[in-house]
């Protein structure tokens, strides 16, 4: 089970959780919603947690959907994190909303971790899938994507399932807000 630490304040807790429960694989990163709330030493702290706890990179990304975002700041933080993932050759879990063009541009420009790139809760177009596959991306769909009654999503899911690119690179997951 992968547990994401998405802000600097929870990285140590996620790392400690992985020490308490060996089946937990920690992932550390600054989610685009949390880029504004970081210390001047965030990148060093991130590298320390990855090294100390043997973690992945995630969840990082770009998001133009949220209000009052600083997109240039998101790009800078994402690029540094993605470069670190490539340098350490650890998988990177990426969040993206309303920023697909910029994400593709950055993925094309930057070295990529050979250990993998995972797009968390993919919401982009079907037409973009072949390009992302060419860039080495694997896709993850939220379990809510498949809920009965979500007709539009069901139609898209059926299209994806029939797509050869998608069939080899799809994962389903569910968000767990709390573990009791």
Protein backbone atom coordinates (compact mmCIF):
# COMPACT_ATOMS: atom_id res chain seq x y z
CA UNK A 1 0.00 0.00 0.00
CA UNK A 2 1.36 3.42 -0.94
CA UNK A 3 0.65 6.31 1.43
CA UNK A 4 1.28 9.80 0.04
CA UNK A 5 2.67 12.63 2.13
CA UNK A 6 1.45 15.62 0.15
CA UNK A 7 2.75 18.48 2.27
CA UNK A 8 5.97 19.04 4.14
CA UNK A 9 4.26 18.82 7.53
CA UNK A 10 3.14 15.23 7.05
CA UNK A 11 6.26 13.67 5.52
CA UNK A 12 7.74 12.47 8.81
CA UNK A 13 4.41 10.95 9.91
CA UNK A 14 4.10 9.06 6.63
CA UNK A 15 7.69 7.84 6.98
CA UNK A 16 7.08 6.71 10.56
CA UNK A 17 3.92 4.91 9.47
CA UNK A 18 6.01 2.96 6.96
CA UNK A 19 8.39 1.94 9.75
CA UNK A 20 5.51 0.75 11.93
CA UNK A 21 3.80 -1.18 9.11
CA UNK A 22 6.19 -2.80 6.59
CA UNK A 23 3.41 -3.17 4.00
CA UNK A 24 3.19 0.65 3.75
CA UNK A 25 5.35 2.16 1.02
CA UNK A 26 5.78 5.90 1.64
CA UNK A 27 5.62 8.56 -1.03
CA UNK A 28 6.63 12.17 -0.42
CA UNK A 29 6.01 15.34 -2.37
CA UNK A 30 4.36 18.73 -2.46
CA UNK A 31 0.90 18.42 -3.97
CA UNK A 32 0.14 21.46 -6.17
CA UNK A 33 -2.49 22.56 -3.65
CA UNK A 34 0.27 22.81 -1.01
CA UNK A 35 3.12 24.52 -2.87
CA UNK A 36 2.49 27.81 -1.06
CA UNK A 37 3.03 26.22 2.35
CA UNK A 38 6.64 25.07 2.31
CA UNK A 39 9.79 25.96 4.19
CA UNK A 40 12.93 27.38 2.56
CA UNK A 41 14.49 23.93 3.09
CA UNK A 42 11.63 21.91 1.62
CA UNK A 43 13.65 20.29 -1.17
CA UNK A 44 16.37 19.10 1.20
CA UNK A 45 13.72 17.81 3.61
CA UNK A 46 12.03 15.99 0.75
CA UNK A 47 15.27 14.33 -0.34
CA UNK A 48 16.01 13.34 3.26
CA UNK A 49 12.62 11.65 3.68
CA UNK A 50 12.94 9.80 0.37
CA UNK A 51 16.41 8.56 1.29
CA UNK A 52 15.72 7.81 4.96
CA UNK A 53 12.41 6.00 4.46
CA UNK A 54 13.03 4.56 0.99
CA UNK A 55 10.10 6.45 -0.47
CA UNK A 56 8.61 7.26 -3.84
CA UNK A 57 7.85 10.76 -5.18
CA UNK A 58 4.21 11.76 -4.88
CA UNK A 59 1.89 13.18 -5.15
CA UNK A 60 3.27 16.07 -7.19
CA UNK A 61 1.77 17.94 -10.11
CA UNK A 62 0.06 20.88 -11.74
CA UNK A 63 -3.43 22.19 -11.11
CA UNK A 64 -5.19 25.14 -12.78
CA UNK A 65 -8.54 24.06 -11.36
CA UNK A 66 -7.94 25.38 -7.84
CA UNK A 67 -8.69 29.02 -7.15
CA UNK A 68 -5.93 31.54 -6.44
CA UNK A 69 -3.15 29.26 -7.63
CA UNK A 70 0.29 30.48 -8.57
CA UNK A 71 0.87 28.39 -11.66
CA UNK A 72 4.47 29.53 -12.15
CA UNK A 73 5.22 28.43 -8.58
CA UNK A 74 3.58 25.06 -9.25
CA UNK A 75 5.73 24.60 -12.36
CA UNK A 76 8.91 25.42 -10.44
CA UNK A 77 8.08 23.08 -7.54
CA UNK A 78 6.92 20.29 -9.87
CA UNK A 79 10.07 20.54 -12.00
CA UNK A 80 12.38 20.31 -8.97
CA UNK A 81 10.50 17.32 -7.60
CA UNK A 82 10.37 15.54 -10.96
CA UNK A 83 14.10 16.13 -11.48
CA UNK A 84 14.76 14.63 -8.03
CA UNK A 85 12.65 11.57 -8.91
CA UNK A 86 14.66 11.12 -12.12
CA UNK A 87 17.99 11.61 -10.30
CA UNK A 88 17.07 8.99 -7.69
CA UNK A 89 15.21 6.82 -10.22
CA UNK A 90 12.14 6.49 -8.05
CA UNK A 91 8.55 6.35 -9.32
CA UNK A 92 6.66 9.65 -9.49
CA UNK A 93 2.91 9.92 -8.86
CA UNK A 94 1.51 12.98 -10.64
CA UNK A 95 -1.71 14.96 -10.12
CA UNK A 96 -2.90 17.09 -13.05
CA UNK A 97 -6.05 19.15 -13.57
CA UNK A 98 -6.58 21.61 -16.42
CA UNK A 99 -2.86 21.73 -17.17
CA UNK A 100 -2.31 18.86 -19.61
CA UNK A 101 -0.46 20.85 -22.26
CA UNK A 102 2.07 22.18 -19.76
CA UNK A 103 2.49 18.77 -18.14
CA UNK A 104 3.24 17.14 -21.50
CA UNK A 105 5.69 19.94 -22.30
CA UNK A 106 7.53 19.37 -18.99
CA UNK A 107 7.53 15.58 -19.36
CA UNK A 108 9.04 15.96 -22.83
CA UNK A 109 11.72 18.37 -21.59
CA UNK A 110 12.85 16.64 -18.39
CA UNK A 111 14.72 13.39 -17.75
CA UNK A 112 12.28 10.76 -16.55
CA UNK A 113 12.65 8.11 -13.84
CA UNK A 114 12.93 4.71 -15.53
CA UNK A 115 11.11 3.27 -12.54
CA UNK A 116 7.85 4.86 -13.66
CA UNK A 117 5.46 7.78 -13.91
CA UNK A 118 1.92 7.34 -12.63
CA UNK A 119 -0.85 9.82 -13.44
CA UNK A 120 -3.11 9.91 -10.40
CA UNK A 121 -6.84 9.92 -11.14
CA UNK A 122 -6.41 10.58 -14.86
CA UNK A 123 -8.98 13.06 -16.20
CA UNK A 124 -7.45 14.04 -19.52
CA UNK A 125 -8.77 13.28 -22.97
CA UNK A 126 -8.66 9.92 -24.68
CA UNK A 127 -6.73 11.58 -27.52
CA UNK A 128 -3.89 12.47 -25.15
CA UNK A 129 -3.39 8.88 -23.96
CA UNK A 130 -1.06 7.73 -26.82
CA UNK A 131 1.26 10.72 -26.30
CA UNK A 132 1.42 10.10 -22.55
CA UNK A 133 2.08 6.40 -23.10
CA UNK A 134 4.92 7.37 -25.45
CA UNK A 135 6.34 9.40 -22.54
CA UNK A 136 6.23 6.33 -20.28
CA UNK A 137 3.14 7.17 -18.25
CA UNK A 138 0.87 4.68 -16.46
CA UNK A 139 -2.69 5.75 -15.63
CA UNK A 140 -4.67 5.41 -12.43
CA UNK A 141 -8.43 5.86 -12.25
CA UNK A 142 -10.34 6.61 -9.07
CA UNK A 143 -12.82 3.91 -8.08
CA UNK A 144 -15.48 6.65 -8.16
CA UNK A 145 -14.82 6.89 -11.89
CA UNK A 146 -16.59 3.55 -12.24
CA UNK A 147 -19.64 4.14 -10.02
CA UNK A 148 -22.90 3.12 -11.59
CA UNK A 149 -24.98 6.16 -12.48
CA UNK A 150 -22.05 8.21 -13.66
CA UNK A 151 -23.03 7.77 -17.29
CA UNK A 152 -20.49 10.10 -18.86
CA UNK A 153 -17.64 8.49 -16.91
CA UNK A 154 -18.96 5.02 -17.70
CA UNK A 155 -18.92 5.83 -21.43
CA UNK A 156 -15.36 7.14 -21.17
CA UNK A 157 -14.30 4.12 -19.11
CA UNK A 158 -15.66 1.75 -21.74
CA UNK A 159 -13.75 3.66 -24.44
CA UNK A 160 -10.56 3.50 -22.38
CA UNK A 161 -10.98 -0.19 -21.67
CA UNK A 162 -11.07 -0.92 -25.38
CA UNK A 163 -8.00 1.18 -26.10
CA UNK A 164 -4.84 -0.91 -26.42
CA UNK A 165 -2.74 1.81 -24.79
CA UNK A 166 -5.03 2.02 -21.83
CA UNK A 167 -5.53 -1.69 -21.24
CA UNK A 168 -1.87 -2.27 -20.39
CA UNK A 169 -1.45 0.81 -18.23
CA UNK A 170 -4.53 1.18 -16.05
CA UNK A 171 -4.84 0.95 -12.27
CA UNK A 172 -7.92 1.47 -10.10
CA UNK A 173 -7.66 2.97 -6.62
CA UNK A 174 -9.79 4.37 -3.87
CA UNK A 175 -9.06 7.33 -1.60
CA UNK A 176 -8.91 6.47 2.07
CA UNK A 177 -9.27 9.61 4.16
CA UNK A 178 -8.57 7.92 7.49
CA UNK A 179 -7.34 4.55 8.60
CA UNK A 180 -8.97 3.57 11.88
